[in-house]
Amino acid sequence: MKILVPVKQVPDTATQVKVGQDARQIETGGITWIISPYDEFAVEEALRIKEKRGEGEVVVVSLGPDRVKEALRSALAMGADRAIHVNDPAFNEADTLLTARVLAAVIKQEAPALVIVGRQAIDDDMGAVPAQLAELLGWPSLYWVMEAAIDAGGRTIRAGRQVEGGLEVFEAPLPCVLTAQKGLNEPRYPTLKGIMGAKKKEIKDLRADDLGVAPESAQLSIVRLETLPPRPPGRIIGGDVREAAHELVRALREEAKAI
């Protein structure tokens, strides 16, 4: 069984993000880049399915500039078999729909039985690509999955997602798009052997012409990025408890407009 996992390279959560000079991008100098954590759950789940079935291939794919190869190498070090890097300046301003079109073109070439995606990327928190991808492919999609199992024949997948008070279970035919949620698994750390072996694994470079995808103007674009305003200092209300309680309620109602 071939499983394809799209991954996105994002700034490390510990990075202090600054708005760039054009106010439409972040300042990338000095940033540490990582695989989006939800995509790590997706890679791990693909590896576990392959290990459980005792056969198969895990392919990771990503869009972006040269630095994206670092994310792909990390996935290869975890155990993925090979990687595909769509590296074309024509896609530099790609929105979620164009990104989905590009990924759909890769998937049609690779013909996997299952696509596992992180539920959303932690940089823009859009969460739109998986559904757009499934729609373009004409495949069913299962969102925010907490557990998954494929039947022995590799024809259907049963997946559960957490809802209030329980677990909602779905069954869908393969091929299918699955989105990984936190709690699905615990991603493994790459071993030294895995890191060394990743250097020998294939990363295939593709451009727009290779995929037959015509560059198009983004239908969704960033107008402006702004930093959050400084947080106002806290306020301590002292004095008699009864009077302090009245003052707290007044402040919440009249000043903070919270009640």
C-alpha atoms as a PDB file:
ATOM      1  CA  MET A   1       0.000   0.000   0.000  1.00  0.00           C
ATOM      2  CA  LYS A   2       1.347   3.396  -0.980  1.00  0.00           C
ATOM      3  CA  ILE A   3       0.591   6.273   1.403  1.00  0.00           C
ATOM      4  CA  LEU A   4       1.304   9.883   0.473  1.00  0.00           C
ATOM      5  CA  VAL A   5       1.794  12.540   3.145  1.00  0.00           C
ATOM      6  CA  PRO A   6       1.865  16.254   2.256  1.00  0.00           C
ATOM      7  CA  VAL A   7       3.943  18.224   4.781  1.00  0.00           C
ATOM      8  CA  LYS A   8       4.478  21.940   5.293  1.00  0.00           C
ATOM      9  CA  GLN A   9       7.569  23.667   6.647  1.00  0.00           C
ATOM     10  CA  VAL A  10       6.657  26.307   9.237  1.00  0.00           C
ATOM     11  CA  PRO A  11       8.493  28.491  11.772  1.00  0.00           C
ATOM     12  CA  ASP A  12       9.325  26.769  15.045  1.00  0.00           C
ATOM     13  CA  THR A  13       6.728  27.535  17.722  1.00  0.00           C
ATOM     14  CA  ALA A  14       9.525  28.924  19.917  1.00  0.00           C
ATOM     15  CA  THR A  15      10.550  31.455  17.227  1.00  0.00           C
ATOM     16  CA  GLN A  16       9.910  35.132  17.858  1.00  0.00           C
ATOM     17  CA  VAL A  17       8.047  36.062  14.678  1.00  0.00           C
ATOM     18  CA  LYS A  18       8.453  39.600  13.312  1.00  0.00           C
ATOM     19  CA  VAL A  19       6.503  41.294  10.539  1.00  0.00           C
ATOM     20  CA  GLY A  20       8.599  41.979   7.415  1.00  0.00           C
ATOM     21  CA  GLN A  21       9.173  45.403   5.880  1.00  0.00           C
ATOM     22  CA  ASP A  22       6.421  44.985   3.297  1.00  0.00           C
ATOM     23  CA  ALA A  23       3.936  44.075   6.092  1.00  0.00           C
ATOM     24  CA  ARG A  24       2.721  41.125   3.988  1.00  0.00           C
ATOM     25  CA  GLN A  25       5.274  38.509   5.065  1.00  0.00           C
ATOM     26  CA  ILE A  26       7.191  37.630   8.189  1.00  0.00           C
ATOM     27  CA  GLU A  27      10.878  38.340   8.570  1.00  0.00           C
ATOM     28  CA  THR A  28      12.530  35.018   7.757  1.00  0.00           C
ATOM     29  CA  GLY A  29      16.074  35.836   8.866  1.00  0.00           C
ATOM     30  CA  GLY A  30      17.210  33.748  11.825  1.00  0.00           C
ATOM     31  CA  ILE A  31      14.063  31.600  11.907  1.00  0.00           C
ATOM     32  CA  THR A  32      14.266  27.915  12.792  1.00  0.00           C
ATOM     33  CA  TRP A  33      12.034  25.898  10.468  1.00  0.00           C
ATOM     34  CA  ILE A  34      10.244  22.658  11.363  1.00  0.00           C
ATOM     35  CA  ILE A  35       7.592  20.302   9.984  1.00  0.00           C
ATOM     36  CA  SER A  36       4.169  21.521  11.074  1.00  0.00           C
ATOM     37  CA  PRO A  37       3.363  19.398  14.169  1.00  0.00           C
ATOM     38  CA  TYR A  38       0.045  18.081  12.814  1.00  0.00           C
ATOM     39  CA  ASP A  39       1.926  16.901   9.717  1.00  0.00           C
ATOM     40  CA  GLU A  40       4.284  14.977  12.012  1.00  0.00           C
ATOM     41  CA  PHE A  41       1.251  13.069  13.309  1.00  0.00           C
ATOM     42  CA  ALA A  42       0.378  12.315   9.679  1.00  0.00           C
ATOM     43  CA  VAL A  43       3.879  11.017   8.879  1.00  0.00           C
ATOM     44  CA  GLU A  44       3.911   8.886  12.020  1.00  0.00           C
ATOM     45  CA  GLU A  45       0.508   7.375  11.241  1.00  0.00           C
ATOM     46  CA  ALA A  46       1.608   6.507   7.700  1.00  0.00           C
ATOM     47  CA  LEU A  47       4.701   4.778   9.063  1.00  0.00           C
ATOM     48  CA  ARG A  48       2.650   2.828  11.608  1.00  0.00           C
ATOM     49  CA  ILE A  49       0.199   1.646   8.955  1.00  0.00           C
ATOM     50  CA  LYS A  50       3.100   0.468   6.777  1.00  0.00           C
ATOM     51  CA  GLU A  51       4.757  -1.314   9.721  1.00  0.00           C
ATOM     52  CA  LYS A  52       1.509  -2.964  10.811  1.00  0.00           C
ATOM     53  CA  ARG A  53       0.780  -4.248   7.310  1.00  0.00           C
ATOM     54  CA  GLY A  54       4.385  -5.343   6.792  1.00  0.00           C
ATOM     55  CA  GLU A  55       4.598  -3.782   3.341  1.00  0.00           C
ATOM     56  CA  GLY A  56       4.027  -0.558   1.467  1.00  0.00           C
ATOM     57  CA  GLU A  57       5.657   2.777   0.748  1.00  0.00           C
ATOM     58  CA  VAL A  58       5.429   6.153   2.463  1.00  0.00           C
ATOM     59  CA  VAL A  59       6.008   9.171   0.216  1.00  0.00           C
ATOM     60  CA  VAL A  60       6.202  12.735   1.564  1.00  0.00           C
ATOM     61  CA  VAL A  61       5.630  15.805  -0.595  1.00  0.00           C
ATOM     62  CA  SER A  62       5.986  19.529   0.000  1.00  0.00           C
ATOM     63  CA  LEU A  63       5.844  22.838  -1.858  1.00  0.00           C
ATOM     64  CA  GLY A  64       8.255  25.696  -1.313  1.00  0.00           C
ATOM     65  CA  PRO A  65      11.785  27.042  -1.760  1.00  0.00           C
ATOM     66  CA  ASP A  66      15.061  25.166  -1.355  1.00  0.00           C
ATOM     67  CA  ARG A  67      14.911  25.230   2.459  1.00  0.00           C
ATOM     68  CA  VAL A  68      11.862  22.929   2.340  1.00  0.00           C
ATOM     69  CA  LYS A  69      14.245  20.044   1.667  1.00  0.00           C
ATOM     70  CA  GLU A  70      15.204  20.217   5.367  1.00  0.00           C
ATOM     71  CA  ALA A  71      11.609  19.319   6.315  1.00  0.00           C
ATOM     72  CA  LEU A  72      11.561  16.527   3.759  1.00  0.00           C
ATOM     73  CA  ARG A  73      14.854  15.162   5.119  1.00  0.00           C
ATOM     74  CA  SER A  74      13.343  15.174   8.615  1.00  0.00           C
ATOM     75  CA  ALA A  75      10.409  13.079   7.385  1.00  0.00           C
ATOM     76  CA  LEU A  76      12.801  10.726   5.592  1.00  0.00           C
ATOM     77  CA  ALA A  77      14.817  10.406   8.809  1.00  0.00           C
ATOM     78  CA  MET A  78      11.616   9.384  10.620  1.00  0.00           C
ATOM     79  CA  GLY A  79      11.282   6.515   8.142  1.00  0.00           C
ATOM     80  CA  ALA A  80       9.537   7.761   4.987  1.00  0.00           C
ATOM     81  CA  ASP A  81      10.800   5.987   1.866  1.00  0.00           C
ATOM     82  CA  ARG A  82      11.151   8.903  -0.532  1.00  0.00           C
ATOM     83  CA  ALA A  83      10.178  12.527  -1.006  1.00  0.00           C
ATOM     84  CA  ILE A  84       8.877  14.889  -3.677  1.00  0.00           C
ATOM     85  CA  HIS A  85       9.728  18.580  -3.651  1.00  0.00           C
ATOM     86  CA  VAL A  86       7.613  20.894  -5.807  1.00  0.00           C
ATOM     87  CA  ASN A  87      10.030  23.793  -6.147  1.00  0.00           C
ATOM     88  CA  ASP A  88       8.852  26.360  -8.671  1.00  0.00           C
ATOM     89  CA  PRO A  89       8.784  30.170  -8.250  1.00  0.00           C
ATOM     90  CA  ALA A  90       5.442  30.114 -10.084  1.00  0.00           C
ATOM     91  CA  PHE A  91       3.898  28.764  -6.872  1.00  0.00           C
ATOM     92  CA  ASN A  92       5.537  31.221  -4.447  1.00  0.00           C
ATOM     93  CA  GLU A  93       2.263  33.107  -3.925  1.00  0.00           C
ATOM     94  CA  ALA A  94       0.043  30.011  -3.997  1.00  0.00           C
ATOM     95  CA  ASP A  95      -3.110  30.160  -1.914  1.00  0.00           C
ATOM     96  CA  THR A  96      -4.793  27.078  -0.456  1.00  0.00           C
ATOM     97  CA  LEU A  97      -6.685  26.243  -3.659  1.00  0.00           C
ATOM     98  CA  LEU A  98      -3.623  26.383  -5.925  1.00  0.00           C
ATOM     99  CA  THR A  99      -1.690  24.388  -3.331  1.00  0.00           C
ATOM    100  CA  ALA A 100      -4.450  21.763  -3.415  1.00  0.00           C
ATOM    101  CA  ARG A 101      -4.339  21.705  -7.233  1.00  0.00           C
ATOM    102  CA  VAL A 102      -0.586  21.090  -7.174  1.00  0.00           C
ATOM    103  CA  LEU A 103      -0.888  18.342  -4.572  1.00  0.00           C
ATOM    104  CA  ALA A 104      -3.746  16.751  -6.517  1.00  0.00           C
ATOM    105  CA  ALA A 105      -1.526  16.631  -9.610  1.00  0.00           C
ATOM    106  CA  VAL A 106       1.224  14.904  -7.616  1.00  0.00           C
ATOM    107  CA  ILE A 107      -1.271  12.432  -6.165  1.00  0.00           C
ATOM    108  CA  LYS A 108      -2.638  11.562  -9.608  1.00  0.00           C
ATOM    109  CA  GLN A 109       0.906  10.754 -10.743  1.00  0.00           C
ATOM    110  CA  GLU A 110       1.722   8.710  -7.642  1.00  0.00           C
ATOM    111  CA  ALA A 111      -1.672   6.964  -7.313  1.00  0.00           C
ATOM    112  CA  PRO A 112      -1.531   6.251  -3.551  1.00  0.00           C
ATOM    113  CA  ALA A 113      -4.235   4.305  -1.747  1.00  0.00           C
ATOM    114  CA  LEU A 114      -4.321   6.817   1.108  1.00  0.00           C
ATOM    115  CA  VAL A 115      -3.383  10.458   1.679  1.00  0.00           C
ATOM    116  CA  ILE A 116      -2.793  11.584   5.267  1.00  0.00           C
ATOM    117  CA  VAL A 117      -2.545  15.315   5.988  1.00  0.00           C
ATOM    118  CA  GLY A 118      -2.162  17.290   9.193  1.00  0.00           C
ATOM    119  CA  ARG A 119      -5.513  18.848  10.102  1.00  0.00           C
ATOM    120  CA  GLN A 120      -4.011  22.344   9.620  1.00  0.00           C
ATOM    121  CA  ALA A 121      -0.666  24.122   9.443  1.00  0.00           C
ATOM    122  CA  ILE A 122       0.309  26.055  12.561  1.00  0.00           C
ATOM    123  CA  ASP A 123       1.527  29.139  10.681  1.00  0.00           C
ATOM    124  CA  ASP A 124      -1.715  30.285   9.037  1.00  0.00           C
ATOM    125  CA  ASP A 125      -4.194  27.889  10.738  1.00  0.00           C
ATOM    126  CA  MET A 126      -6.272  27.731   7.539  1.00  0.00           C
ATOM    127  CA  GLY A 127      -7.075  24.002   7.525  1.00  0.00           C
ATOM    128  CA  ALA A 128      -8.570  24.348   4.025  1.00  0.00           C
ATOM    129  CA  VAL A 129      -6.199  22.280   1.856  1.00  0.00           C
ATOM    130  CA  PRO A 130      -7.338  18.755   2.881  1.00  0.00           C
ATOM    131  CA  ALA A 131     -11.002  19.384   1.986  1.00  0.00           C
ATOM    132  CA  GLN A 132     -10.083  21.168  -1.248  1.00  0.00           C
ATOM    133  CA  LEU A 133      -7.750  18.319  -2.121  1.00  0.00           C
ATOM    134  CA  ALA A 134     -10.417  15.673  -1.523  1.00  0.00           C
ATOM    135  CA  GLU A 135     -12.906  17.638  -3.633  1.00  0.00           C
ATOM    136  CA  LEU A 136     -10.449  17.953  -6.536  1.00  0.00           C
ATOM    137  CA  LEU A 137      -9.689  14.223  -6.390  1.00  0.00           C
ATOM    138  CA  GLY A 138     -13.301  13.179  -5.897  1.00  0.00           C
ATOM    139  CA  TRP A 139     -12.283  11.195  -2.799  1.00  0.00           C
ATOM    140  CA  PRO A 140     -13.987  10.951   0.598  1.00  0.00           C
ATOM    141  CA  SER A 141     -12.294  12.847   3.433  1.00  0.00           C
ATOM    142  CA  LEU A 142     -12.245  12.144   7.156  1.00  0.00           C
ATOM    143  CA  TYR A 143     -11.343  15.076   9.388  1.00  0.00           C
ATOM    144  CA  TRP A 144      -9.712  15.466  12.821  1.00  0.00           C
ATOM    145  CA  VAL A 145      -9.018  11.747  13.122  1.00  0.00           C
ATOM    146  CA  MET A 146      -7.972  10.365  16.524  1.00  0.00           C
ATOM    147  CA  GLU A 147      -7.708   6.699  15.513  1.00  0.00           C
ATOM    148  CA  ALA A 148      -7.720   4.786  12.239  1.00  0.00           C
ATOM    149  CA  ALA A 149      -7.690   1.197  10.993  1.00  0.00           C
ATOM    150  CA  ILE A 150      -7.534  -0.218   7.473  1.00  0.00           C
ATOM    151  CA  ASP A 151      -9.178  -3.535   6.652  1.00  0.00           C
ATOM    152  CA  ALA A 152      -6.954  -6.485   5.731  1.00  0.00           C
ATOM    153  CA  GLY A 153      -7.830  -6.215   2.059  1.00  0.00           C
ATOM    154  CA  GLY A 154      -6.880  -2.542   1.902  1.00  0.00           C
ATOM    155  CA  ARG A 155     -10.295  -1.540   0.578  1.00  0.00           C
ATOM    156  CA  THR A 156     -11.802   0.502   3.413  1.00  0.00           C
ATOM    157  CA  ILE A 157     -10.685   2.603   6.360  1.00  0.00           C
ATOM    158  CA  ARG A 158     -12.447   3.063   9.667  1.00  0.00           C
ATOM    159  CA  ALA A 159     -11.613   6.245  11.555  1.00  0.00           C
ATOM    160  CA  GLY A 160     -12.774   7.890  14.761  1.00  0.00           C
ATOM    161  CA  ARG A 161     -12.803  11.511  15.838  1.00  0.00           C
ATOM    162  CA  GLN A 162     -13.479  12.896  19.272  1.00  0.00           C
ATOM    163  CA  VAL A 163     -16.795  14.614  19.902  1.00  0.00           C
ATOM    164  CA  GLU A 164     -18.345  15.823  23.119  1.00  0.00           C
ATOM    165  CA  GLY A 165     -18.910  12.797  25.304  1.00  0.00           C
ATOM    166  CA  GLY A 166     -17.497  10.146  23.002  1.00  0.00           C
ATOM    167  CA  LEU A 167     -15.928   9.039  19.748  1.00  0.00           C
ATOM    168  CA  GLU A 168     -17.606   9.396  16.352  1.00  0.00           C
ATOM    169  CA  VAL A 169     -16.673   6.496  14.042  1.00  0.00           C
ATOM    170  CA  PHE A 170     -16.787   6.604  10.232  1.00  0.00           C
ATOM    171  CA  GLU A 171     -16.006   4.106   7.510  1.00  0.00           C
ATOM    172  CA  ALA A 172     -14.971   5.115   3.992  1.00  0.00           C
ATOM    173  CA  PRO A 173     -13.680   3.368   0.872  1.00  0.00           C
ATOM    174  CA  LEU A 174     -10.084   3.812  -0.229  1.00  0.00           C
ATOM    175  CA  PRO A 175      -8.574   5.903  -1.709  1.00  0.00           C
ATOM    176  CA  CYS A 176      -9.339   8.544   0.891  1.00  0.00           C
ATOM    177  CA  VAL A 177      -7.971  11.759   2.413  1.00  0.00           C
ATOM    178  CA  LEU A 178      -7.389  11.575   6.169  1.00  0.00           C
ATOM    179  CA  THR A 179      -6.505  14.529   8.405  1.00  0.00           C
ATOM    180  CA  ALA A 180      -4.510  13.860  11.547  1.00  0.00           C
ATOM    181  CA  GLN A 181      -5.423  15.375  14.911  1.00  0.00           C
ATOM    182  CA  LYS A 182      -3.314  15.632  18.058  1.00  0.00           C
ATOM    183  CA  GLY A 183      -3.755  12.421  20.025  1.00  0.00           C
ATOM    184  CA  LEU A 184      -3.714  10.162  16.969  1.00  0.00           C
ATOM    185  CA  ASN A 185      -0.212   9.026  17.939  1.00  0.00           C
ATOM    186  CA  GLU A 186       3.114  10.162  19.382  1.00  0.00           C
ATOM    187  CA  PRO A 187       5.579  11.000  16.565  1.00  0.00           C
ATOM    188  CA  ARG A 188       8.890   9.174  16.827  1.00  0.00           C
ATOM    189  CA  TYR A 189      12.248  10.894  17.068  1.00  0.00           C
ATOM    190  CA  PRO A 190      14.589  10.191  14.148  1.00  0.00           C
ATOM    191  CA  THR A 191      17.402   7.824  15.131  1.00  0.00           C
ATOM    192  CA  LEU A 192      21.029   8.419  14.164  1.00  0.00           C
ATOM    193  CA  LYS A 193      20.679   5.560  11.690  1.00  0.00           C
ATOM    194  CA  GLY A 194      17.560   7.185  10.265  1.00  0.00           C
ATOM    195  CA  ILE A 195      19.266  10.563   9.939  1.00  0.00           C
ATOM    196  CA  MET A 196      22.231   9.056   8.131  1.00  0.00           C
ATOM    197  CA  GLY A 197      19.998   6.936   5.926  1.00  0.00           C
ATOM    198  CA  ALA A 198      17.874   9.961   4.970  1.00  0.00           C
ATOM    199  CA  LYS A 199      20.860  11.449   3.155  1.00  0.00           C
ATOM    200  CA  LYS A 200      20.761   8.567   0.678  1.00  0.00           C
ATOM    201  CA  LYS A 201      17.008   8.604   0.054  1.00  0.00           C
ATOM    202  CA  GLU A 202      15.534  10.186  -3.047  1.00  0.00           C
ATOM    203  CA  ILE A 203      14.093  13.701  -3.100  1.00  0.00           C
ATOM    204  CA  LYS A 204      12.534  14.217  -6.511  1.00  0.00           C
ATOM    205  CA  ASP A 205      12.253  17.817  -7.728  1.00  0.00           C
ATOM    206  CA  LEU A 206       9.184  18.779  -9.753  1.00  0.00           C
ATOM    207  CA  ARG A 207       8.153  21.988 -11.464  1.00  0.00           C
ATOM    208  CA  ALA A 208       4.863  23.247 -12.886  1.00  0.00           C
ATOM    209  CA  ASP A 209       5.588  21.744 -16.312  1.00  0.00           C
ATOM    210  CA  ASP A 210       6.196  18.306 -14.797  1.00  0.00           C
ATOM    211  CA  LEU A 211       2.750  18.369 -13.197  1.00  0.00           C
ATOM    212  CA  GLY A 212       0.792  20.030 -15.976  1.00  0.00           C
ATOM    213  CA  VAL A 213      -0.467  22.666 -13.539  1.00  0.00           C
ATOM    214  CA  ALA A 214      -0.712  26.167 -14.996  1.00  0.00           C
ATOM    215  CA  PRO A 215       0.258  28.922 -12.541  1.00  0.00           C
ATOM    216  CA  GLU A 216      -2.718  31.086 -11.670  1.00  0.00           C
ATOM    217  CA  SER A 217      -3.387  34.224  -9.678  1.00  0.00           C
ATOM    218  CA  ALA A 218      -4.199  33.566  -6.058  1.00  0.00           C
ATOM    219  CA  GLN A 219      -7.861  34.035  -5.166  1.00  0.00           C
ATOM    220  CA  LEU A 220      -6.888  34.600  -1.561  1.00  0.00           C
ATOM    221  CA  SER A 221      -4.025  36.887  -0.580  1.00  0.00           C
ATOM    222  CA  ILE A 222      -2.612  38.520   2.539  1.00  0.00           C
ATOM    223  CA  VAL A 223      -3.356  42.238   2.627  1.00  0.00           C
ATOM    224  CA  ARG A 224      -1.410  43.105   5.755  1.00  0.00           C
ATOM    225  CA  LEU A 225       0.197  41.528   8.807  1.00  0.00           C
ATOM    226  CA  GLU A 226       0.091  43.362  12.121  1.00  0.00           C
ATOM    227  CA  THR A 227       1.661  42.580  15.462  1.00  0.00           C
ATOM    228  CA  LEU A 228      -0.616  42.268  18.455  1.00  0.00           C
ATOM    229  CA  PRO A 229      -0.944  45.446  20.526  1.00  0.00           C
ATOM    230  CA  PRO A 230       0.965  45.388  23.819  1.00  0.00           C
ATOM    231  CA  ARG A 231      -0.978  43.773  26.597  1.00  0.00           C
ATOM    232  CA  PRO A 232      -2.134  46.303  29.202  1.00  0.00           C
ATOM    233  CA  PRO A 233      -0.728  45.833  32.706  1.00  0.00           C
ATOM    234  CA  GLY A 234      -2.760  43.947  35.265  1.00  0.00           C
ATOM    235  CA  ARG A 235      -4.677  45.735  38.000  1.00  0.00           C
ATOM    236  CA  ILE A 236      -4.928  44.732  41.633  1.00  0.00           C
ATOM    237  CA  ILE A 237      -8.128  45.666  43.461  1.00  0.00           C
ATOM    238  CA  GLY A 238      -7.458  45.935  47.169  1.00  0.00           C
ATOM    239  CA  GLY A 239      -9.453  46.879  50.215  1.00  0.00           C
ATOM    240  CA  ASP A 240     -12.476  45.260  51.832  1.00  0.00           C
ATOM    241  CA  VAL A 241     -13.528  42.016  50.137  1.00  0.00           C
ATOM    242  CA  ARG A 242     -17.135  43.134  49.616  1.00  0.00           C
ATOM    243  CA  GLU A 243     -16.121  46.493  48.187  1.00  0.00           C
ATOM    244  CA  ALA A 244     -13.398  44.857  46.041  1.00  0.00           C
ATOM    245  CA  ALA A 245     -15.967  42.414  44.617  1.00  0.00           C
ATOM    246  CA  HIS A 246     -18.292  45.306  43.686  1.00  0.00           C
ATOM    247  CA  GLU A 247     -15.400  47.181  42.071  1.00  0.00           C
ATOM    248  CA  LEU A 248     -14.336  44.068  40.143  1.00  0.00           C
ATOM    249  CA  VAL A 249     -17.835  43.592  38.741  1.00  0.00           C
ATOM    250  CA  ARG A 250     -18.052  47.283  37.830  1.00  0.00           C
ATOM    251  CA  ALA A 251     -14.662  47.175  36.060  1.00  0.00           C
ATOM    252  CA  LEU A 252     -15.558  44.018  34.142  1.00  0.00           C
ATOM    253  CA  ARG A 253     -18.878  45.513  33.052  1.00  0.00           C
ATOM    254  CA  GLU A 254     -17.975  49.145  32.346  1.00  0.00           C
ATOM    255  CA  GLU A 255     -14.272  49.091  31.480  1.00  0.00           C
ATOM    256  CA  ALA A 256     -13.487  45.637  30.097  1.00  0.00           C
ATOM    257  CA  LYS A 257     -17.022  45.143  28.660  1.00  0.00           C
ATOM    258  CA  ALA A 258     -16.600  41.467  29.564  1.00  0.00           C
ATOM    259  CA  ILE A 259     -19.983  41.025  31.272  1.00  0.00           C
END
